[in-house]
PDB file of N, CA and C in Angstrom:
ATOM      1  N   MET A   1     -42.317  13.224 -15.929  1.00  0.00           N
ATOM      2  CA  MET A   1     -42.809  12.610 -14.717  1.00  0.00           C
ATOM      3  C   MET A   1     -42.326  13.450 -13.542  1.00  0.00           C
ATOM      4  N   ASN A   2     -43.245  13.825 -12.682  1.00  0.00           N
ATOM      5  CA  ASN A   2     -42.868  14.561 -11.487  1.00  0.00           C
ATOM      6  C   ASN A   2     -42.883  13.626 -10.280  1.00  0.00           C
ATOM      7  N   LYS A   3     -42.620  14.189  -9.108  1.00  0.00           N
ATOM      8  CA  LYS A   3     -42.486  13.365  -7.903  1.00  0.00           C
ATOM      9  C   LYS A   3     -43.772  12.611  -7.571  1.00  0.00           C
ATOM     10  N   SER A   4     -44.922  13.266  -7.673  1.00  0.00           N
ATOM     11  CA  SER A   4     -46.178  12.590  -7.344  1.00  0.00           C
ATOM     12  C   SER A   4     -46.489  11.469  -8.334  1.00  0.00           C
ATOM     13  N   ASP A   5     -46.146  11.672  -9.615  1.00  0.00           N
ATOM     14  CA  ASP A   5     -46.319  10.603 -10.610  1.00  0.00           C
ATOM     15  C   ASP A   5     -45.428   9.419 -10.275  1.00  0.00           C
ATOM     16  N   LEU A   6     -44.202   9.704  -9.858  1.00  0.00           N
ATOM     17  CA  LEU A   6     -43.262   8.650  -9.486  1.00  0.00           C
ATOM     18  C   LEU A   6     -43.776   7.878  -8.277  1.00  0.00           C
ATOM     19  N   VAL A   7     -44.299   8.578  -7.290  1.00  0.00           N
ATOM     20  CA  VAL A   7     -44.846   7.925  -6.098  1.00  0.00           C
ATOM     21  C   VAL A   7     -46.003   7.004  -6.484  1.00  0.00           C
ATOM     22  N   LYS A   8     -46.903   7.488  -7.320  1.00  0.00           N
ATOM     23  CA  LYS A   8     -48.051   6.673  -7.748  1.00  0.00           C
ATOM     24  C   LYS A   8     -47.592   5.431  -8.507  1.00  0.00           C
ATOM     25  N   SER A   9     -46.620   5.599  -9.399  1.00  0.00           N
ATOM     26  CA  SER A   9     -46.119   4.461 -10.185  1.00  0.00           C
ATOM     27  C   SER A   9     -45.459   3.408  -9.298  1.00  0.00           C
ATOM     28  N   ILE A  10     -44.625   3.852  -8.369  1.00  0.00           N
ATOM     29  CA  ILE A  10     -43.958   2.914  -7.456  1.00  0.00           C
ATOM     30  C   ILE A  10     -44.994   2.217  -6.586  1.00  0.00           C
ATOM     31  N   SER A  11     -45.964   2.976  -6.101  1.00  0.00           N
ATOM     32  CA  SER A  11     -47.007   2.418  -5.250  1.00  0.00           C
ATOM     33  C   SER A  11     -47.782   1.317  -5.975  1.00  0.00           C
ATOM     34  N   GLN A  12     -48.121   1.561  -7.221  1.00  0.00           N
ATOM     35  CA  GLN A  12     -48.863   0.569  -8.004  1.00  0.00           C
ATOM     36  C   GLN A  12     -48.008  -0.653  -8.318  1.00  0.00           C
ATOM     37  N   GLU A  13     -46.755  -0.421  -8.722  1.00  0.00           N
ATOM     38  CA  GLU A  13     -45.887  -1.532  -9.098  1.00  0.00           C
ATOM     39  C   GLU A  13     -45.538  -2.421  -7.905  1.00  0.00           C
ATOM     40  N   CYS A  14     -45.314  -1.827  -6.753  1.00  0.00           N
ATOM     41  CA  CYS A  14     -44.922  -2.589  -5.562  1.00  0.00           C
ATOM     42  C   CYS A  14     -46.119  -2.983  -4.704  1.00  0.00           C
ATOM     43  N   MET A  15     -47.293  -2.496  -5.056  1.00  0.00           N
ATOM     44  CA  MET A  15     -48.527  -2.776  -4.323  1.00  0.00           C
ATOM     45  C   MET A  15     -48.408  -2.404  -2.841  1.00  0.00           C
ATOM     46  N   ILE A  16     -47.948  -1.173  -2.608  1.00  0.00           N
ATOM     47  CA  ILE A  16     -47.874  -0.640  -1.240  1.00  0.00           C
ATOM     48  C   ILE A  16     -48.617   0.692  -1.210  1.00  0.00           C
ATOM     49  N   PRO A  17     -49.073   1.108  -0.043  1.00  0.00           N
ATOM     50  CA  PRO A  17     -49.837   2.362   0.042  1.00  0.00           C
ATOM     51  C   PRO A  17     -49.030   3.575  -0.417  1.00  0.00           C
ATOM     52  N   ILE A  18     -49.744   4.546  -0.948  1.00  0.00           N
ATOM     53  CA  ILE A  18     -49.106   5.766  -1.453  1.00  0.00           C
ATOM     54  C   ILE A  18     -48.370   6.502  -0.335  1.00  0.00           C
ATOM     55  N   LYS A  19     -48.958   6.560   0.849  1.00  0.00           N
ATOM     56  CA  LYS A  19     -48.300   7.275   1.960  1.00  0.00           C
ATOM     57  C   LYS A  19     -46.975   6.613   2.339  1.00  0.00           C
ATOM     58  N   THR A  20     -46.933   5.296   2.331  1.00  0.00           N
ATOM     59  CA  THR A  20     -45.688   4.579   2.633  1.00  0.00           C
ATOM     60  C   THR A  20     -44.654   4.847   1.546  1.00  0.00           C
ATOM     61  N   THR A  21     -45.099   4.810   0.308  1.00  0.00           N
ATOM     62  CA  THR A  21     -44.202   5.081  -0.821  1.00  0.00           C
ATOM     63  C   THR A  21     -43.646   6.493  -0.727  1.00  0.00           C
ATOM     64  N   GLN A  22     -44.494   7.443  -0.383  1.00  0.00           N
ATOM     65  CA  GLN A  22     -44.066   8.836  -0.237  1.00  0.00           C
ATOM     66  C   GLN A  22     -42.997   8.970   0.842  1.00  0.00           C
ATOM     67  N   LYS A  23     -43.198   8.306   1.986  1.00  0.00           N
ATOM     68  CA  LYS A  23     -42.219   8.352   3.073  1.00  0.00           C
ATOM     69  C   LYS A  23     -40.887   7.742   2.655  1.00  0.00           C
ATOM     70  N   VAL A  24     -40.942   6.619   1.942  1.00  0.00           N
ATOM     71  CA  VAL A  24     -39.716   5.957   1.495  1.00  0.00           C
ATOM     72  C   VAL A  24     -38.963   6.847   0.511  1.00  0.00           C
ATOM     73  N   LEU A  25     -39.664   7.425  -0.447  1.00  0.00           N
ATOM     74  CA  LEU A  25     -39.014   8.288  -1.439  1.00  0.00           C
ATOM     75  C   LEU A  25     -38.431   9.537  -0.781  1.00  0.00           C
ATOM     76  N   ASP A  26     -39.190  10.164   0.117  1.00  0.00           N
ATOM     77  CA  ASP A  26     -38.677  11.342   0.825  1.00  0.00           C
ATOM     78  C   ASP A  26     -37.433  10.996   1.641  1.00  0.00           C
ATOM     79  N   SER A  27     -37.480   9.849   2.299  1.00  0.00           N
ATOM     80  CA  SER A  27     -36.332   9.407   3.103  1.00  0.00           C
ATOM     81  C   SER A  27     -35.112   9.178   2.220  1.00  0.00           C
ATOM     82  N   MET A  28     -35.304   8.539   1.083  1.00  0.00           N
ATOM     83  CA  MET A  28     -34.196   8.281   0.158  1.00  0.00           C
ATOM     84  C   MET A  28     -33.571   9.596  -0.327  1.00  0.00           C
ATOM     85  N   LEU A  29     -34.414  10.532  -0.714  1.00  0.00           N
ATOM     86  CA  LEU A  29     -33.907  11.815  -1.203  1.00  0.00           C
ATOM     87  C   LEU A  29     -33.182  12.586  -0.105  1.00  0.00           C
ATOM     88  N   ASN A  30     -33.712  12.538   1.121  1.00  0.00           N
ATOM     89  CA  ASN A  30     -33.039  13.198   2.242  1.00  0.00           C
ATOM     90  C   ASN A  30     -31.685  12.569   2.540  1.00  0.00           C
ATOM     91  N   LEU A  31     -31.618  11.241   2.498  1.00  0.00           N
ATOM     92  CA  LEU A  31     -30.348  10.557   2.757  1.00  0.00           C
ATOM     93  C   LEU A  31     -29.311  10.880   1.684  1.00  0.00           C
ATOM     94  N   ILE A  32     -29.739  10.936   0.436  1.00  0.00           N
ATOM     95  CA  ILE A  32     -28.822  11.302  -0.652  1.00  0.00           C
ATOM     96  C   ILE A  32     -28.325  12.726  -0.446  1.00  0.00           C
ATOM     97  N   THR A  33     -29.233  13.641  -0.114  1.00  0.00           N
ATOM     98  CA  THR A  33     -28.856  15.034   0.111  1.00  0.00           C
ATOM     99  C   THR A  33     -27.868  15.167   1.265  1.00  0.00           C
ATOM    100  N   GLU A  34     -28.144  14.491   2.371  1.00  0.00           N
ATOM    101  CA  GLU A  34     -27.250  14.560   3.530  1.00  0.00           C
ATOM    102  C   GLU A  34     -25.870  13.991   3.201  1.00  0.00           C
ATOM    103  N   ALA A  35     -25.830  12.912   2.446  1.00  0.00           N
ATOM    104  CA  ALA A  35     -24.543  12.327   2.056  1.00  0.00           C
ATOM    105  C   ALA A  35     -23.754  13.298   1.179  1.00  0.00           C
ATOM    106  N   LEU A  36     -24.426  13.961   0.249  1.00  0.00           N
ATOM    107  CA  LEU A  36     -23.750  14.934  -0.613  1.00  0.00           C
ATOM    108  C   LEU A  36     -23.212  16.108   0.199  1.00  0.00           C
ATOM    109  N   LEU A  37     -23.984  16.543   1.198  1.00  0.00           N
ATOM    110  CA  LEU A  37     -23.533  17.641   2.044  1.00  0.00           C
ATOM    111  C   LEU A  37     -22.307  17.260   2.872  1.00  0.00           C
ATOM    112  N   ARG A  38     -22.152  15.970   3.154  1.00  0.00           N
ATOM    113  CA  ARG A  38     -20.969  15.485   3.884  1.00  0.00           C
ATOM    114  C   ARG A  38     -19.795  15.227   2.929  1.00  0.00           C
ATOM    115  N   GLY A  39     -20.002  15.414   1.638  1.00  0.00           N
ATOM    116  CA  GLY A  39     -18.942  15.194   0.659  1.00  0.00           C
ATOM    117  C   GLY A  39     -18.837  13.760   0.181  1.00  0.00           C
ATOM    118  N   GLU A  40     -19.820  12.941   0.487  1.00  0.00           N
ATOM    119  CA  GLU A  40     -19.803  11.540   0.074  1.00  0.00           C
ATOM    120  C   GLU A  40     -20.370  11.397  -1.335  1.00  0.00           C
ATOM    121  N   VAL A  41     -20.029  10.284  -1.974  1.00  0.00           N
ATOM    122  CA  VAL A  41     -20.570   9.923  -3.279  1.00  0.00           C
ATOM    123  C   VAL A  41     -21.635   8.855  -3.047  1.00  0.00           C
ATOM    124  N   VAL A  42     -22.799   9.027  -3.679  1.00  0.00           N
ATOM    125  CA  VAL A  42     -23.881   8.044  -3.572  1.00  0.00           C
ATOM    126  C   VAL A  42     -23.962   7.316  -4.904  1.00  0.00           C
ATOM    127  N   SER A  43     -23.690   6.023  -4.873  1.00  0.00           N
ATOM    128  CA  SER A  43     -23.634   5.213  -6.082  1.00  0.00           C
ATOM    129  C   SER A  43     -24.760   4.188  -6.069  1.00  0.00           C
ATOM    130  N   LEU A  44     -25.595   4.198  -7.112  1.00  0.00           N
ATOM    131  CA  LEU A  44     -26.689   3.241  -7.261  1.00  0.00           C
ATOM    132  C   LEU A  44     -26.364   2.352  -8.454  1.00  0.00           C
ATOM    133  N   SER A  45     -26.096   1.069  -8.199  1.00  0.00           N
ATOM    134  CA  SER A  45     -25.629   0.176  -9.259  1.00  0.00           C
ATOM    135  C   SER A  45     -26.607   0.117 -10.434  1.00  0.00           C
ATOM    136  N   ASN A  46     -26.056   0.054 -11.623  1.00  0.00           N
ATOM    137  CA  ASN A  46     -26.769   0.045 -12.896  1.00  0.00           C
ATOM    138  C   ASN A  46     -27.584   1.314 -13.149  1.00  0.00           C
ATOM    139  N   PHE A  47     -27.373   2.340 -12.354  1.00  0.00           N
ATOM    140  CA  PHE A  47     -28.086   3.600 -12.553  1.00  0.00           C
ATOM    141  C   PHE A  47     -27.102   4.758 -12.696  1.00  0.00           C
ATOM    142  N   GLY A  48     -26.433   5.126 -11.597  1.00  0.00           N
ATOM    143  CA  GLY A  48     -25.485   6.227 -11.677  1.00  0.00           C
ATOM    144  C   GLY A  48     -25.022   6.644 -10.304  1.00  0.00           C
ATOM    145  N   LYS A  49     -24.274   7.742 -10.276  1.00  0.00           N
ATOM    146  CA  LYS A  49     -23.778   8.227  -8.989  1.00  0.00           C
ATOM    147  C   LYS A  49     -24.044   9.719  -8.860  1.00  0.00           C
ATOM    148  N   PHE A  50     -24.332  10.106  -7.630  1.00  0.00           N
ATOM    149  CA  PHE A  50     -24.529  11.495  -7.259  1.00  0.00           C
ATOM    150  C   PHE A  50     -23.282  11.931  -6.503  1.00  0.00           C
ATOM    151  N   PHE A  51     -22.794  13.133  -6.781  1.00  0.00           N
ATOM    152  CA  PHE A  51     -21.613  13.630  -6.095  1.00  0.00           C
ATOM    153  C   PHE A  51     -21.632  15.152  -6.084  1.00  0.00           C
ATOM    154  N   ALA A  52     -20.836  15.733  -5.199  1.00  0.00           N
ATOM    155  CA  ALA A  52     -20.704  17.187  -5.133  1.00  0.00           C
ATOM    156  C   ALA A  52     -19.416  17.578  -5.842  1.00  0.00           C
ATOM    157  N   LYS A  53     -19.506  18.562  -6.711  1.00  0.00           N
ATOM    158  CA  LYS A  53     -18.341  19.009  -7.458  1.00  0.00           C
ATOM    159  C   LYS A  53     -18.057  20.469  -7.120  1.00  0.00           C
ATOM    160  N   TYR A  54     -16.777  20.778  -6.962  1.00  0.00           N
ATOM    161  CA  TYR A  54     -16.367  22.147  -6.660  1.00  0.00           C
ATOM    162  C   TYR A  54     -16.350  22.951  -7.955  1.00  0.00           C
ATOM    163  N   SER A  55     -17.045  24.066  -7.944  1.00  0.00           N
ATOM    164  CA  SER A  55     -17.081  24.961  -9.095  1.00  0.00           C
ATOM    165  C   SER A  55     -16.263  26.206  -8.752  1.00  0.00           C
ATOM    166  N   ARG A  56     -15.216  26.446  -9.526  1.00  0.00           N
ATOM    167  CA  ARG A  56     -14.371  27.609  -9.256  1.00  0.00           C
ATOM    168  C   ARG A  56     -15.129  28.903  -9.516  1.00  0.00           C
ATOM    169  N   GLY A  57     -14.736  29.927  -8.835  1.00  0.00           N
ATOM    170  CA  GLY A  57     -15.325  31.239  -9.062  1.00  0.00           C
ATOM    171  C   GLY A  57     -14.896  31.778 -10.414  1.00  0.00           C
ATOM    172  N   ALA A  58     -15.642  32.718 -10.931  1.00  0.00           N
ATOM    173  CA  ALA A  58     -15.329  33.297 -12.236  1.00  0.00           C
ATOM    174  C   ALA A  58     -15.888  34.715 -12.309  1.00  0.00           C
ATOM    175  N   VAL A  59     -15.432  35.434 -13.310  1.00  0.00           N
ATOM    176  CA  VAL A  59     -15.984  36.752 -13.602  1.00  0.00           C
ATOM    177  C   VAL A  59     -16.699  36.627 -14.935  1.00  0.00           C
ATOM    178  N   LYS A  60     -17.994  36.857 -14.921  1.00  0.00           N
ATOM    179  CA  LYS A  60     -18.829  36.730 -16.121  1.00  0.00           C
ATOM    180  C   LYS A  60     -19.342  38.096 -16.512  1.00  0.00           C
ATOM    181  N   SER A  61     -19.692  38.239 -17.785  1.00  0.00           N
ATOM    182  CA  SER A  61     -20.284  39.502 -18.226  1.00  0.00           C
ATOM    183  C   SER A  61     -21.732  39.264 -18.625  1.00  0.00           C
ATOM    184  N   VAL A  62     -22.583  40.226 -18.314  1.00  0.00           N
ATOM    185  CA  VAL A  62     -23.996  40.175 -18.670  1.00  0.00           C
ATOM    186  C   VAL A  62     -24.118  40.768 -20.076  1.00  0.00           C
ATOM    187  N   PRO A  63     -24.556  39.989 -21.055  1.00  0.00           N
ATOM    188  CA  PRO A  63     -24.576  40.470 -22.445  1.00  0.00           C
ATOM    189  C   PRO A  63     -25.413  41.726 -22.674  1.00  0.00           C
ATOM    190  N   SER A  64     -26.538  41.838 -22.006  1.00  0.00           N
ATOM    191  CA  SER A  64     -27.418  42.976 -22.267  1.00  0.00           C
ATOM    192  C   SER A  64     -26.874  44.296 -21.727  1.00  0.00           C
ATOM    193  N   THR A  65     -26.061  44.249 -20.656  1.00  0.00           N
ATOM    194  CA  THR A  65     -25.556  45.486 -20.050  1.00  0.00           C
ATOM    195  C   THR A  65     -24.041  45.624 -20.104  1.00  0.00           C
ATOM    196  N   ALA A  66     -23.357  44.558 -20.493  1.00  0.00           N
ATOM    197  CA  ALA A  66     -21.889  44.513 -20.515  1.00  0.00           C
ATOM    198  C   ALA A  66     -21.301  44.693 -19.120  1.00  0.00           C
ATOM    199  N   LEU A  67     -22.112  44.491 -18.108  1.00  0.00           N
ATOM    200  CA  LEU A  67     -21.670  44.580 -16.726  1.00  0.00           C
ATOM    201  C   LEU A  67     -20.948  43.291 -16.352  1.00  0.00           C
ATOM    202  N   ARG A  68     -19.834  43.410 -15.648  1.00  0.00           N
ATOM    203  CA  ARG A  68     -19.076  42.242 -15.228  1.00  0.00           C
ATOM    204  C   ARG A  68     -19.492  41.869 -13.808  1.00  0.00           C
ATOM    205  N   VAL A  69     -19.794  40.581 -13.633  1.00  0.00           N
ATOM    206  CA  VAL A  69     -20.299  40.084 -12.353  1.00  0.00           C
ATOM    207  C   VAL A  69     -19.371  38.991 -11.854  1.00  0.00           C
ATOM    208  N   SER A  70     -19.054  39.038 -10.574  1.00  0.00           N
ATOM    209  CA  SER A  70     -18.206  38.017  -9.970  1.00  0.00           C
ATOM    210  C   SER A  70     -19.083  36.882  -9.442  1.00  0.00           C
ATOM    211  N   VAL A  71     -18.785  35.663  -9.867  1.00  0.00           N
ATOM    212  CA  VAL A  71     -19.511  34.472  -9.407  1.00  0.00           C
ATOM    213  C   VAL A  71     -18.603  33.769  -8.397  1.00  0.00           C
ATOM    214  N   PRO A  72     -19.052  33.618  -7.153  1.00  0.00           N
ATOM    215  CA  PRO A  72     -18.195  33.016  -6.127  1.00  0.00           C
ATOM    216  C   PRO A  72     -18.022  31.507  -6.331  1.00  0.00           C
ATOM    217  N   PRO A  73     -16.930  30.948  -5.819  1.00  0.00           N
ATOM    218  CA  PRO A  73     -16.766  29.493  -5.896  1.00  0.00           C
ATOM    219  C   PRO A  73     -17.800  28.815  -5.011  1.00  0.00           C
ATOM    220  N   LYS A  74     -18.197  27.598  -5.412  1.00  0.00           N
ATOM    221  CA  LYS A  74     -19.217  26.884  -4.647  1.00  0.00           C
ATOM    222  C   LYS A  74     -19.186  25.399  -4.995  1.00  0.00           C
ATOM    223  N   PHE A  75     -19.854  24.605  -4.183  1.00  0.00           N
ATOM    224  CA  PHE A  75     -20.057  23.193  -4.478  1.00  0.00           C
ATOM    225  C   PHE A  75     -21.434  23.048  -5.105  1.00  0.00           C
ATOM    226  N   VAL A  76     -21.516  22.233  -6.156  1.00  0.00           N
ATOM    227  CA  VAL A  76     -22.792  21.997  -6.832  1.00  0.00           C
ATOM    228  C   VAL A  76     -23.034  20.495  -6.937  1.00  0.00           C
ATOM    229  N   PRO A  77     -24.300  20.049  -6.796  1.00  0.00           N
ATOM    230  CA  PRO A  77     -24.591  18.622  -6.931  1.00  0.00           C
ATOM    231  C   PRO A  77     -24.543  18.210  -8.401  1.00  0.00           C
ATOM    232  N   LYS A  78     -24.013  17.019  -8.655  1.00  0.00           N
ATOM    233  CA  LYS A  78     -23.897  16.492 -10.016  1.00  0.00           C
ATOM    234  C   LYS A  78     -24.381  15.049 -10.045  1.00  0.00           C
ATOM    235  N   PHE A  79     -24.750  14.580 -11.232  1.00  0.00           N
ATOM    236  CA  PHE A  79     -25.145  13.195 -11.440  1.00  0.00           C
ATOM    237  C   PHE A  79     -24.413  12.680 -12.661  1.00  0.00           C
ATOM    238  N   SER A  80     -23.910  11.461 -12.562  1.00  0.00           N
ATOM    239  CA  SER A  80     -23.236  10.814 -13.675  1.00  0.00           C
ATOM    240  C   SER A  80     -23.871   9.453 -13.889  1.00  0.00           C
ATOM    241  N   ALA A  81     -24.424   9.227 -15.083  1.00  0.00           N
ATOM    242  CA  ALA A  81     -25.092   7.959 -15.386  1.00  0.00           C
ATOM    243  C   ALA A  81     -24.060   6.863 -15.631  1.00  0.00           C
ATOM    244  N   PHE A  82     -24.367   5.655 -15.147  1.00  0.00           N
ATOM    245  CA  PHE A  82     -23.502   4.505 -15.392  1.00  0.00           C
ATOM    246  C   PHE A  82     -23.721   3.977 -16.800  1.00  0.00           C
ATOM    247  N   ARG A  83     -22.784   3.170 -17.242  1.00  0.00           N
ATOM    248  CA  ARG A  83     -22.790   2.640 -18.595  1.00  0.00           C
ATOM    249  C   ARG A  83     -24.082   1.887 -18.919  1.00  0.00           C
ATOM    250  N   ALA A  84     -24.608   1.103 -17.976  1.00  0.00           N
ATOM    251  CA  ALA A  84     -25.829   0.323 -18.225  1.00  0.00           C
ATOM    252  C   ALA A  84     -27.008   1.247 -18.543  1.00  0.00           C
ATOM    253  N   LEU A  85     -27.139   2.350 -17.821  1.00  0.00           N
ATOM    254  CA  LEU A  85     -28.213   3.299 -18.079  1.00  0.00           C
ATOM    255  C   LEU A  85     -28.010   3.983 -19.427  1.00  0.00           C
ATOM    256  N   LYS A  86     -26.788   4.360 -19.725  1.00  0.00           N
ATOM    257  CA  LYS A  86     -26.505   5.007 -21.009  1.00  0.00           C
ATOM    258  C   LYS A  86     -26.814   4.077 -22.173  1.00  0.00           C
ATOM    259  N   ARG A  87     -26.424   2.800 -22.045  1.00  0.00           N
ATOM    260  CA  ARG A  87     -26.702   1.828 -23.114  1.00  0.00           C
ATOM    261  C   ARG A  87     -28.200   1.665 -23.337  1.00  0.00           C
ATOM    262  N   ARG A  88     -28.933   1.533 -22.240  1.00  0.00           N
ATOM    263  CA  ARG A  88     -30.385   1.357 -22.356  1.00  0.00           C
ATOM    264  C   ARG A  88     -31.019   2.583 -23.012  1.00  0.00           C
ATOM    265  N   PHE A  89     -30.541   3.746 -22.637  1.00  0.00           N
ATOM    266  CA  PHE A  89     -31.054   4.987 -23.217  1.00  0.00           C
ATOM    267  C   PHE A  89     -30.753   5.033 -24.716  1.00  0.00           C
ATOM    268  N   LEU A  90     -29.531   4.648 -25.094  1.00  0.00           N
ATOM    269  CA  LEU A  90     -29.154   4.667 -26.500  1.00  0.00           C
ATOM    270  C   LEU A  90     -29.956   3.657 -27.324  1.00  0.00           C
ATOM    271  N   LEU A  91     -30.263   2.510 -26.727  1.00  0.00           N
ATOM    272  CA  LEU A  91     -31.060   1.514 -27.431  1.00  0.00           C
ATOM    273  C   LEU A  91     -32.453   2.039 -27.756  1.00  0.00           C
ATOM    274  N   ASN A  92     -33.011   2.837 -26.842  1.00  0.00           N
ATOM    275  CA  ASN A  92     -34.357   3.362 -27.059  1.00  0.00           C
ATOM    276  C   ASN A  92     -34.390   4.627 -27.901  1.00  0.00           C
ATOM    277  N   PHE A  93     -33.359   5.475 -27.770  1.00  0.00           N
ATOM    278  CA  PHE A  93     -33.387   6.772 -28.455  1.00  0.00           C
ATOM    279  C   PHE A  93     -32.229   7.007 -29.413  1.00  0.00           C
ATOM    280  N   GLY A  94     -31.251   6.116 -29.420  1.00  0.00           N
ATOM    281  CA  GLY A  94     -30.034   6.349 -30.196  1.00  0.00           C
ATOM    282  C   GLY A  94     -30.154   5.962 -31.609  1.00  0.00           C
TER     283      GLY A  94
END
């Protein structure tokens, strides 16, 4: 499912116009992104939490050339599913 499929599904389920649904989804994603950039954790009950994690720098080697490359430290976005989501997933696929 991609973003447009998600918008259509939400629009049909909630019986609201697609343009309104698109604005709400875009706004939600922007707010989550801005919160992560501020270092905040975004927690959605019974779903999961989004957070920024610090990734240490490292020196990696490229297998095809044996060249060593330095990877700088950085913050990366992460998602952690809550227990309720994991249980539901396991019931369907476990």
